Amino acid sequence: MALTIRHAAWVASLWLAVTTPAWAQDARLEGEKQLVLHARDGKTFDIGSVKFTQRADGAADFEISVDPKKTTTYFLSMRNFRCVEGNEVVCHVPYPYPFGGPVAADRLDWLEHGLLFLTKSPQEFGAKFENGLYFRLELTPTGLRGTPQGINLDHIAFPPDDLSIPPYSQVGKYDEPEGENYIAFLTIE
């Protein structure tokens, strides 16, 4: 049976799909993307960026930058946090240990650990680390979208036993009731 041009093109595209890793075709995890918090009242807070750098193994390293010109510094519990102000004060909590790995389309948990936040009312003094937010990320056609889940940030007060395992994959997260948080979701695009 002779191989027609149409069959040859189909075989070539199938071969590329099977032999080319998904990361090589996914621009959502390449380059510098804006990090934006979206509040329930319609406000958006462009707080910085996430820079993805492709690795030889197909995954991507990432660097999160929270812009001090776009956020407010709060001194809470003896340290500075970069925050946005609205109905709540929402502060980025940098993950305090080395990340245990890169990200890939099917492995976003370390990036999720880089996007930890705490919330407090504007009237509260100090930080309540039990009021943490963890954003469960999913790929969208244009980038990433994070849905808030509640966490207790006290779980990272001490280093985990195994630094290669994301600690919040091992401890409880809970879905926030719809409308409960000031920040409805975040995007990286």
N, C-alpha and C. Protein backbone atom coordinates (compact mmCIF):
# COMPACT_ATOMS: atom_id res chain seq x y z
N MET A 1 0.85 -1.18 0.00
CA MET A 1 0.00 0.00 0.00
C MET A 1 0.89 1.24 0.00
N ALA A 2 0.65 2.11 -0.91
CA ALA A 2 1.45 3.32 -1.03
C ALA A 2 1.02 4.33 0.02
N LEU A 3 1.98 5.04 0.52
CA LEU A 3 1.71 6.06 1.53
C LEU A 3 1.42 7.38 0.82
N THR A 4 0.21 7.87 0.97
CA THR A 4 -0.16 9.12 0.32
C THR A 4 0.38 10.29 1.12
N ILE A 5 0.36 11.46 0.51
CA ILE A 5 0.83 12.67 1.20
C ILE A 5 0.00 12.93 2.44
N ARG A 6 -1.30 12.69 2.35
CA ARG A 6 -2.18 12.91 3.50
C ARG A 6 -1.81 11.94 4.63
N HIS A 7 -1.57 10.67 4.28
CA HIS A 7 -1.18 9.69 5.30
C HIS A 7 0.18 10.03 5.89
N ALA A 8 1.10 10.46 5.05
CA ALA A 8 2.44 10.81 5.53
C ALA A 8 2.36 11.98 6.51
N ALA A 9 1.53 12.98 6.20
CA ALA A 9 1.37 14.12 7.11
C ALA A 9 0.75 13.67 8.43
N TRP A 10 -0.23 12.77 8.35
CA TRP A 10 -0.87 12.27 9.57
C TRP A 10 0.13 11.49 10.41
N VAL A 11 0.94 10.64 9.78
CA VAL A 11 1.95 9.85 10.50
C VAL A 11 2.98 10.79 11.13
N ALA A 12 3.40 11.82 10.40
CA ALA A 12 4.37 12.77 10.93
C ALA A 12 3.80 13.52 12.13
N SER A 13 2.55 13.97 12.05
CA SER A 13 1.96 14.69 13.18
C SER A 13 1.76 13.77 14.38
N LEU A 14 1.41 12.53 14.13
CA LEU A 14 1.27 11.57 15.23
C LEU A 14 2.62 11.31 15.87
N TRP A 15 3.65 11.16 15.07
CA TRP A 15 5.00 10.93 15.60
C TRP A 15 5.45 12.11 16.45
N LEU A 16 5.20 13.35 15.97
CA LEU A 16 5.57 14.53 16.75
C LEU A 16 4.79 14.60 18.05
N ALA A 17 3.52 14.28 18.03
CA ALA A 17 2.70 14.33 19.24
C ALA A 17 3.18 13.32 20.27
N VAL A 18 3.64 12.16 19.81
CA VAL A 18 4.08 11.11 20.72
C VAL A 18 5.49 11.38 21.23
N THR A 19 6.37 11.91 20.39
CA THR A 19 7.77 12.08 20.77
C THR A 19 8.08 13.45 21.34
N THR A 20 7.23 14.44 21.12
CA THR A 20 7.49 15.77 21.63
C THR A 20 6.79 15.94 22.97
N PRO A 21 7.53 16.23 24.02
CA PRO A 21 6.89 16.41 25.32
C PRO A 21 5.91 17.58 25.31
N ALA A 22 4.89 17.48 26.15
CA ALA A 22 3.86 18.53 26.21
C ALA A 22 4.45 19.88 26.57
N TRP A 23 5.49 19.90 27.42
CA TRP A 23 6.06 21.18 27.84
C TRP A 23 6.64 21.96 26.67
N ALA A 24 7.14 21.26 25.66
CA ALA A 24 7.77 21.94 24.54
C ALA A 24 6.75 22.74 23.73
N GLN A 25 5.49 22.39 23.83
CA GLN A 25 4.46 23.06 23.07
C GLN A 25 3.66 24.04 23.93
N ASP A 26 4.01 24.22 25.18
CA ASP A 26 3.19 24.99 26.10
C ASP A 26 3.83 26.32 26.46
N ALA A 27 3.41 27.37 25.79
CA ALA A 27 3.95 28.71 26.02
C ALA A 27 3.47 29.31 27.33
N ARG A 28 2.49 28.68 27.98
CA ARG A 28 1.96 29.23 29.24
C ARG A 28 2.99 29.16 30.36
N LEU A 29 4.00 28.31 30.22
CA LEU A 29 5.04 28.18 31.24
C LEU A 29 6.39 28.62 30.69
N GLU A 30 6.38 29.65 29.86
CA GLU A 30 7.60 30.21 29.29
C GLU A 30 7.59 31.72 29.43
N GLY A 31 8.73 32.29 29.74
CA GLY A 31 8.87 33.74 29.77
C GLY A 31 8.30 34.38 31.02
N GLU A 32 8.17 35.69 30.98
CA GLU A 32 7.68 36.45 32.13
C GLU A 32 6.19 36.72 31.98
N LYS A 33 5.43 36.42 33.03
CA LYS A 33 3.97 36.58 33.05
C LYS A 33 3.59 37.49 34.22
N GLN A 34 2.49 38.21 34.05
CA GLN A 34 1.99 39.08 35.12
C GLN A 34 1.23 38.26 36.16
N LEU A 35 1.42 38.61 37.41
CA LEU A 35 0.74 37.99 38.55
C LEU A 35 -0.31 38.97 39.05
N VAL A 36 -1.58 38.58 38.93
CA VAL A 36 -2.68 39.50 39.24
C VAL A 36 -3.65 38.83 40.21
N LEU A 37 -4.01 39.56 41.28
CA LEU A 37 -5.05 39.13 42.21
C LEU A 37 -6.35 39.80 41.77
N HIS A 38 -7.44 39.02 41.75
CA HIS A 38 -8.75 39.52 41.33
C HIS A 38 -9.69 39.48 42.54
N ALA A 39 -10.15 40.67 42.96
CA ALA A 39 -11.02 40.78 44.13
C ALA A 39 -12.48 40.58 43.74
N ARG A 40 -13.27 40.22 44.71
CA ARG A 40 -14.71 39.99 44.48
C ARG A 40 -15.44 41.27 44.10
N ASP A 41 -14.92 42.43 44.50
CA ASP A 41 -15.59 43.69 44.16
C ASP A 41 -15.19 44.21 42.79
N GLY A 42 -14.44 43.41 42.02
CA GLY A 42 -14.04 43.79 40.67
C GLY A 42 -12.67 44.42 40.56
N LYS A 43 -12.06 44.79 41.69
CA LYS A 43 -10.72 45.37 41.64
C LYS A 43 -9.71 44.29 41.24
N THR A 44 -8.68 44.74 40.55
CA THR A 44 -7.56 43.84 40.25
C THR A 44 -6.29 44.46 40.81
N PHE A 45 -5.40 43.62 41.25
CA PHE A 45 -4.13 44.04 41.82
C PHE A 45 -3.02 43.33 41.06
N ASP A 46 -2.36 44.06 40.16
CA ASP A 46 -1.21 43.54 39.44
C ASP A 46 -0.03 43.67 40.41
N ILE A 47 0.31 42.58 41.08
CA ILE A 47 1.29 42.69 42.17
C ILE A 47 2.71 42.33 41.75
N GLY A 48 2.90 41.83 40.55
CA GLY A 48 4.25 41.48 40.14
C GLY A 48 4.26 40.53 38.97
N SER A 49 5.22 39.61 39.01
CA SER A 49 5.37 38.72 37.86
C SER A 49 5.91 37.36 38.29
N VAL A 50 5.77 36.41 37.36
CA VAL A 50 6.38 35.09 37.50
C VAL A 50 7.19 34.89 36.23
N LYS A 51 8.48 34.60 36.41
CA LYS A 51 9.35 34.36 35.26
C LYS A 51 9.65 32.87 35.18
N PHE A 52 9.31 32.27 34.04
CA PHE A 52 9.56 30.85 33.80
C PHE A 52 10.79 30.71 32.90
N THR A 53 11.68 29.81 33.28
CA THR A 53 12.87 29.52 32.49
C THR A 53 12.89 28.03 32.19
N GLN A 54 12.85 27.69 30.90
CA GLN A 54 12.83 26.29 30.50
C GLN A 54 14.13 25.60 30.87
N ARG A 55 14.00 24.35 31.27
CA ARG A 55 15.16 23.51 31.60
C ARG A 55 15.35 22.46 30.51
N ALA A 56 16.51 21.86 30.49
CA ALA A 56 16.81 20.83 29.49
C ALA A 56 15.91 19.62 29.64
N ASP A 57 15.45 19.34 30.86
CA ASP A 57 14.60 18.17 31.08
C ASP A 57 13.14 18.41 30.74
N GLY A 58 12.81 19.62 30.27
CA GLY A 58 11.46 19.90 29.85
C GLY A 58 10.61 20.63 30.87
N ALA A 59 11.03 20.64 32.10
CA ALA A 59 10.30 21.38 33.12
C ALA A 59 10.74 22.85 33.06
N ALA A 60 10.20 23.67 33.93
CA ALA A 60 10.57 25.09 33.98
C ALA A 60 10.86 25.50 35.42
N ASP A 61 11.96 26.20 35.60
CA ASP A 61 12.21 26.86 36.88
C ASP A 61 11.37 28.12 36.89
N PHE A 62 11.10 28.64 38.07
CA PHE A 62 10.29 29.85 38.15
C PHE A 62 10.83 30.77 39.22
N GLU A 63 10.55 32.05 39.02
CA GLU A 63 10.93 33.07 40.00
C GLU A 63 9.75 34.02 40.15
N ILE A 64 9.29 34.18 41.37
CA ILE A 64 8.17 35.06 41.67
C ILE A 64 8.72 36.39 42.17
N SER A 65 8.27 37.48 41.58
CA SER A 65 8.68 38.82 42.00
C SER A 65 7.44 39.61 42.38
N VAL A 66 7.35 40.01 43.63
CA VAL A 66 6.26 40.87 44.09
C VAL A 66 6.82 42.29 44.10
N ASP A 67 6.22 43.16 43.31
CA ASP A 67 6.72 44.51 43.09
C ASP A 67 6.42 45.42 44.28
N PRO A 68 7.46 45.97 44.92
CA PRO A 68 7.22 46.87 46.06
C PRO A 68 6.51 48.17 45.67
N LYS A 69 6.55 48.54 44.40
CA LYS A 69 5.86 49.76 43.95
C LYS A 69 4.36 49.53 43.78
N LYS A 70 3.94 48.26 43.70
CA LYS A 70 2.53 47.93 43.49
C LYS A 70 1.87 47.35 44.74
N THR A 71 2.62 47.22 45.81
CA THR A 71 2.12 46.66 47.06
C THR A 71 2.53 47.57 48.22
N THR A 72 1.98 47.29 49.38
CA THR A 72 2.29 48.05 50.59
C THR A 72 3.01 47.14 51.57
N THR A 73 4.02 47.68 52.23
CA THR A 73 4.75 46.89 53.22
C THR A 73 4.01 46.94 54.56
N TYR A 74 3.74 45.76 55.10
CA TYR A 74 3.18 45.63 56.45
C TYR A 74 4.21 44.90 57.30
N PHE A 75 4.46 45.43 58.47
CA PHE A 75 5.35 44.77 59.42
C PHE A 75 4.46 43.97 60.38
N LEU A 76 4.42 42.67 60.17
CA LEU A 76 3.54 41.78 60.93
C LEU A 76 4.36 40.65 61.54
N SER A 77 4.13 40.38 62.80
CA SER A 77 4.80 39.26 63.47
C SER A 77 6.31 39.30 63.25
N MET A 78 6.86 40.47 63.40
CA MET A 78 8.31 40.69 63.38
C MET A 78 8.95 40.52 62.00
N ARG A 79 8.17 40.66 60.93
CA ARG A 79 8.77 40.63 59.59
C ARG A 79 7.91 41.42 58.61
N ASN A 80 8.52 41.81 57.50
CA ASN A 80 7.83 42.57 56.47
C ASN A 80 7.12 41.65 55.49
N PHE A 81 5.93 42.06 55.10
CA PHE A 81 5.15 41.36 54.09
C PHE A 81 4.71 42.36 53.04
N ARG A 82 4.62 41.93 51.79
CA ARG A 82 4.11 42.75 50.69
C ARG A 82 2.62 42.47 50.58
N CYS A 83 1.78 43.53 50.71
CA CYS A 83 0.34 43.36 50.84
C CYS A 83 -0.43 44.28 49.89
N VAL A 84 -1.69 43.90 49.67
CA VAL A 84 -2.65 44.77 48.99
C VAL A 84 -3.80 45.01 49.97
N GLU A 85 -4.43 46.16 49.81
CA GLU A 85 -5.47 46.56 50.75
C GLU A 85 -6.81 46.72 50.05
N GLY A 86 -7.83 46.18 50.68
CA GLY A 86 -9.20 46.31 50.21
C GLY A 86 -10.10 46.02 51.40
N ASN A 87 -11.15 45.25 51.19
CA ASN A 87 -11.99 44.83 52.32
C ASN A 87 -11.19 44.00 53.31
N GLU A 88 -10.15 43.35 52.82
CA GLU A 88 -9.17 42.63 53.65
C GLU A 88 -7.79 43.11 53.25
N VAL A 89 -6.84 42.86 54.13
CA VAL A 89 -5.43 43.04 53.78
C VAL A 89 -4.95 41.65 53.40
N VAL A 90 -4.37 41.53 52.21
CA VAL A 90 -3.92 40.25 51.68
C VAL A 90 -2.42 40.37 51.43
N CYS A 91 -1.65 39.51 52.12
CA CYS A 91 -0.19 39.62 52.09
C CYS A 91 0.45 38.36 51.53
N HIS A 92 1.42 38.55 50.64
CA HIS A 92 2.19 37.44 50.10
C HIS A 92 3.12 36.91 51.19
N VAL A 93 3.14 35.59 51.33
CA VAL A 93 4.02 34.93 52.30
C VAL A 93 5.02 34.09 51.51
N PRO A 94 6.24 34.58 51.33
CA PRO A 94 7.21 33.80 50.57
C PRO A 94 7.47 32.45 51.24
N TYR A 95 7.51 31.40 50.42
CA TYR A 95 7.82 30.07 50.95
C TYR A 95 9.24 30.13 51.52
N PRO A 96 9.44 29.76 52.79
CA PRO A 96 10.71 30.02 53.46
C PRO A 96 11.84 29.01 53.22
N TYR A 97 11.60 28.00 52.41
CA TYR A 97 12.60 26.96 52.19
C TYR A 97 12.87 26.84 50.68
N PRO A 98 13.94 26.16 50.31
CA PRO A 98 14.18 25.96 48.87
C PRO A 98 13.03 25.15 48.25
N PHE A 99 12.66 25.54 47.04
CA PHE A 99 11.64 24.77 46.33
C PHE A 99 12.24 23.42 45.96
N GLY A 100 11.45 22.37 46.09
CA GLY A 100 11.93 21.02 45.86
C GLY A 100 11.93 20.60 44.41
N GLY A 101 11.47 21.47 43.52
CA GLY A 101 11.46 21.09 42.12
C GLY A 101 10.90 22.16 41.24
N PRO A 102 10.97 21.94 39.95
CA PRO A 102 10.44 22.89 38.98
C PRO A 102 8.95 22.66 38.75
N VAL A 103 8.41 23.35 37.76
CA VAL A 103 7.02 23.17 37.38
C VAL A 103 6.93 22.57 35.98
N ALA A 104 5.80 21.96 35.72
CA ALA A 104 5.46 21.45 34.40
C ALA A 104 3.94 21.50 34.31
N ALA A 105 3.40 21.30 33.12
CA ALA A 105 1.95 21.39 32.93
C ALA A 105 1.20 20.45 33.86
N ASP A 106 1.80 19.33 34.21
CA ASP A 106 1.14 18.36 35.09
C ASP A 106 1.70 18.40 36.51
N ARG A 107 2.50 19.41 36.84
CA ARG A 107 3.10 19.50 38.18
C ARG A 107 3.27 20.96 38.56
N LEU A 108 2.23 21.54 39.16
CA LEU A 108 2.23 22.97 39.51
C LEU A 108 2.35 23.22 41.01
N ASP A 109 2.53 22.16 41.81
CA ASP A 109 2.47 22.31 43.27
C ASP A 109 3.57 23.20 43.85
N TRP A 110 4.77 23.20 43.29
CA TRP A 110 5.81 24.08 43.85
C TRP A 110 5.49 25.54 43.55
N LEU A 111 4.93 25.82 42.38
CA LEU A 111 4.51 27.19 42.09
C LEU A 111 3.39 27.60 43.05
N GLU A 112 2.47 26.69 43.33
CA GLU A 112 1.40 26.97 44.30
C GLU A 112 1.99 27.32 45.67
N HIS A 113 3.08 26.65 46.05
CA HIS A 113 3.74 26.96 47.33
C HIS A 113 4.44 28.32 47.31
N GLY A 114 4.77 28.80 46.12
CA GLY A 114 5.36 30.12 46.02
C GLY A 114 4.33 31.23 46.07
N LEU A 115 3.06 30.86 46.00
CA LEU A 115 1.96 31.83 45.98
C LEU A 115 1.09 31.71 47.23
N LEU A 116 1.73 31.64 48.38
CA LEU A 116 1.01 31.59 49.65
C LEU A 116 0.71 33.01 50.11
N PHE A 117 -0.46 33.18 50.71
CA PHE A 117 -0.87 34.49 51.20
C PHE A 117 -1.51 34.33 52.57
N LEU A 118 -1.55 35.41 53.32
CA LEU A 118 -2.34 35.45 54.55
C LEU A 118 -3.31 36.61 54.44
N THR A 119 -4.41 36.51 55.15
CA THR A 119 -5.41 37.57 55.12
C THR A 119 -5.67 38.05 56.54
N LYS A 120 -6.04 39.31 56.62
CA LYS A 120 -6.42 39.88 57.92
C LYS A 120 -7.34 41.06 57.66
N SER A 121 -8.11 41.42 58.64
CA SER A 121 -8.94 42.61 58.49
C SER A 121 -8.05 43.84 58.67
N PRO A 122 -8.42 44.96 58.07
CA PRO A 122 -7.60 46.17 58.23
C PRO A 122 -7.47 46.61 59.69
N GLN A 123 -8.42 46.23 60.55
CA GLN A 123 -8.37 46.64 61.96
C GLN A 123 -7.49 45.73 62.83
N GLU A 124 -7.21 44.53 62.36
CA GLU A 124 -6.42 43.59 63.16
C GLU A 124 -4.96 44.04 63.24
N PHE A 125 -4.38 43.78 64.40
CA PHE A 125 -2.97 44.05 64.60
C PHE A 125 -2.23 42.72 64.53
N GLY A 126 -1.19 42.64 63.76
CA GLY A 126 -0.43 41.40 63.65
C GLY A 126 -1.03 40.45 62.63
N ALA A 127 -0.33 39.35 62.46
CA ALA A 127 -0.75 38.34 61.48
C ALA A 127 -1.31 37.13 62.19
N LYS A 128 -2.34 36.56 61.60
CA LYS A 128 -2.89 35.29 62.08
C LYS A 128 -2.59 34.26 61.01
N PHE A 129 -1.58 33.44 61.25
CA PHE A 129 -1.11 32.53 60.22
C PHE A 129 -2.09 31.39 59.94
N GLU A 130 -3.08 31.23 60.78
CA GLU A 130 -4.12 30.24 60.47
C GLU A 130 -5.04 30.73 59.35
N ASN A 131 -4.95 32.02 59.01
CA ASN A 131 -5.76 32.60 57.93
C ASN A 131 -4.97 32.63 56.63
N GLY A 132 -4.44 31.49 56.24
CA GLY A 132 -3.65 31.41 55.02
C GLY A 132 -4.48 31.08 53.81
N LEU A 133 -3.96 31.47 52.65
CA LEU A 133 -4.58 31.13 51.37
C LEU A 133 -3.55 30.41 50.50
N TYR A 134 -4.01 29.34 49.92
CA TYR A 134 -3.24 28.54 48.97
C TYR A 134 -4.04 28.55 47.69
N PHE A 135 -3.42 28.91 46.57
CA PHE A 135 -4.15 28.99 45.31
C PHE A 135 -3.90 27.74 44.47
N ARG A 136 -4.94 26.90 44.33
CA ARG A 136 -4.87 25.70 43.50
C ARG A 136 -4.87 26.15 42.05
N LEU A 137 -3.76 25.88 41.34
CA LEU A 137 -3.60 26.36 39.97
C LEU A 137 -4.10 25.36 38.94
N GLU A 138 -4.62 25.91 37.87
CA GLU A 138 -4.98 25.10 36.71
C GLU A 138 -4.63 25.89 35.46
N LEU A 139 -4.26 25.16 34.41
CA LEU A 139 -3.94 25.80 33.14
C LEU A 139 -5.21 26.26 32.46
N THR A 140 -5.15 27.44 31.85
CA THR A 140 -6.25 27.99 31.05
C THR A 140 -5.71 28.22 29.64
N PRO A 141 -6.55 28.58 28.70
CA PRO A 141 -6.04 28.85 27.35
C PRO A 141 -5.00 29.97 27.30
N THR A 142 -5.04 30.90 28.25
CA THR A 142 -4.12 32.04 28.22
C THR A 142 -3.05 32.04 29.30
N GLY A 143 -3.07 31.09 30.22
CA GLY A 143 -2.08 31.07 31.29
C GLY A 143 -2.48 30.14 32.41
N LEU A 144 -2.48 30.68 33.63
CA LEU A 144 -2.84 29.92 34.82
C LEU A 144 -3.87 30.70 35.62
N ARG A 145 -4.74 29.96 36.29
CA ARG A 145 -5.74 30.56 37.18
C ARG A 145 -5.68 29.80 38.50
N GLY A 146 -5.69 30.56 39.60
CA GLY A 146 -5.63 29.96 40.93
C GLY A 146 -6.90 30.21 41.71
N THR A 147 -7.45 29.15 42.27
CA THR A 147 -8.64 29.22 43.10
C THR A 147 -8.22 29.11 44.56
N PRO A 148 -8.70 30.02 45.43
CA PRO A 148 -8.22 30.00 46.82
C PRO A 148 -8.73 28.82 47.63
N GLN A 149 -7.82 28.28 48.42
CA GLN A 149 -8.15 27.27 49.42
C GLN A 149 -7.56 27.75 50.74
N GLY A 150 -8.25 27.45 51.82
CA GLY A 150 -7.77 27.86 53.13
C GLY A 150 -6.70 26.90 53.64
N ILE A 151 -5.69 27.46 54.29
CA ILE A 151 -4.62 26.67 54.90
C ILE A 151 -4.20 27.34 56.20
N ASN A 152 -3.50 26.59 57.00
CA ASN A 152 -2.86 27.12 58.20
C ASN A 152 -1.37 27.25 57.90
N LEU A 153 -0.88 28.47 57.82
CA LEU A 153 0.52 28.70 57.49
C LEU A 153 1.48 28.28 58.60
N ASP A 154 0.96 27.95 59.77
CA ASP A 154 1.83 27.44 60.84
C ASP A 154 2.49 26.12 60.44
N HIS A 155 1.93 25.42 59.43
CA HIS A 155 2.53 24.15 58.99
C HIS A 155 3.92 24.34 58.39
N ILE A 156 4.27 25.57 57.99
CA ILE A 156 5.60 25.79 57.44
C ILE A 156 6.48 26.61 58.38
N ALA A 157 6.09 26.68 59.65
CA ALA A 157 6.91 27.39 60.63
C ALA A 157 8.25 26.69 60.84
N PHE A 158 8.29 25.40 60.61
CA PHE A 158 9.52 24.61 60.71
C PHE A 158 9.72 23.86 59.41
N PRO A 159 10.96 23.60 59.04
CA PRO A 159 11.20 22.90 57.77
C PRO A 159 10.54 21.52 57.76
N PRO A 160 9.99 21.13 56.61
CA PRO A 160 9.43 19.79 56.53
C PRO A 160 10.55 18.74 56.60
N ASP A 161 10.20 17.53 56.97
CA ASP A 161 11.19 16.45 57.07
C ASP A 161 11.86 16.19 55.73
N ASP A 162 11.10 16.25 54.65
CA ASP A 162 11.63 16.00 53.31
C ASP A 162 11.37 17.24 52.47
N LEU A 163 12.44 17.99 52.18
CA LEU A 163 12.29 19.24 51.43
C LEU A 163 11.90 19.03 49.97
N SER A 164 11.92 17.78 49.50
CA SER A 164 11.56 17.52 48.10
C SER A 164 10.05 17.29 47.92
N ILE A 165 9.31 17.23 49.03
CA ILE A 165 7.86 17.02 48.97
C ILE A 165 7.16 18.31 49.37
N PRO A 166 6.29 18.84 48.51
CA PRO A 166 5.56 20.06 48.88
C PRO A 166 4.69 19.81 50.11
N PRO A 167 4.91 20.54 51.20
CA PRO A 167 4.21 20.22 52.46
C PRO A 167 2.70 20.33 52.40
N TYR A 168 2.16 21.26 51.60
CA TYR A 168 0.71 21.40 51.56
C TYR A 168 0.04 20.33 50.70
N SER A 169 0.84 19.47 50.07
CA SER A 169 0.25 18.29 49.44
C SER A 169 0.01 17.21 50.49
N GLN A 170 0.62 17.38 51.67
CA GLN A 170 0.52 16.39 52.74
C GLN A 170 -0.42 16.80 53.87
N VAL A 171 -0.76 18.08 53.97
CA VAL A 171 -1.62 18.56 55.06
C VAL A 171 -2.91 19.12 54.50
N GLY A 172 -3.83 19.38 55.39
CA GLY A 172 -5.17 19.78 54.99
C GLY A 172 -5.27 21.15 54.35
N LYS A 173 -5.99 21.18 53.26
CA LYS A 173 -6.44 22.41 52.63
C LYS A 173 -7.95 22.28 52.59
N TYR A 174 -8.63 23.38 52.62
CA TYR A 174 -10.08 23.29 52.54
C TYR A 174 -10.58 24.34 51.57
N ASP A 175 -11.61 23.97 50.83
CA ASP A 175 -12.21 24.90 49.89
C ASP A 175 -12.86 26.03 50.65
N GLU A 176 -12.60 27.23 50.18
CA GLU A 176 -13.20 28.40 50.79
C GLU A 176 -14.64 28.53 50.29
N PRO A 177 -15.59 28.81 51.17
CA PRO A 177 -16.96 29.02 50.70
C PRO A 177 -17.01 30.16 49.68
N GLU A 178 -17.81 30.00 48.65
CA GLU A 178 -17.93 31.02 47.60
C GLU A 178 -18.25 32.37 48.24
N GLY A 179 -17.47 33.36 47.89
CA GLY A 179 -17.69 34.71 48.40
C GLY A 179 -17.07 34.97 49.76
N GLU A 180 -16.38 34.00 50.33
CA GLU A 180 -15.81 34.15 51.68
C GLU A 180 -14.58 35.07 51.69
N ASN A 181 -13.71 34.94 50.71
CA ASN A 181 -12.48 35.73 50.67
C ASN A 181 -12.64 36.97 49.81
N TYR A 182 -11.87 37.98 50.15
CA TYR A 182 -11.85 39.20 49.34
C TYR A 182 -11.26 38.90 47.97
N ILE A 183 -10.23 38.08 47.91
CA ILE A 183 -9.62 37.70 46.63
C ILE A 183 -10.35 36.46 46.10
N ALA A 184 -10.96 36.61 44.93
CA ALA A 184 -11.73 35.52 44.35
C ALA A 184 -10.83 34.52 43.61
N PHE A 185 -9.78 35.03 42.94
CA PHE A 185 -8.86 34.16 42.22
C PHE A 185 -7.63 34.96 41.83
N LEU A 186 -6.60 34.27 41.37
CA LEU A 186 -5.44 34.95 40.82
C LEU A 186 -5.18 34.42 39.42
N THR A 187 -4.48 35.22 38.63
CA THR A 187 -4.10 34.79 37.29
C THR A 187 -2.61 35.03 37.08
N ILE A 188 -2.03 34.19 36.25
CA ILE A 188 -0.65 34.37 35.77
C ILE A 188 -0.75 34.29 34.26
N GLU A 189 -0.62 35.44 33.60
CA GLU A 189 -0.78 35.51 32.14
C GLU A 189 0.21 36.50 31.55
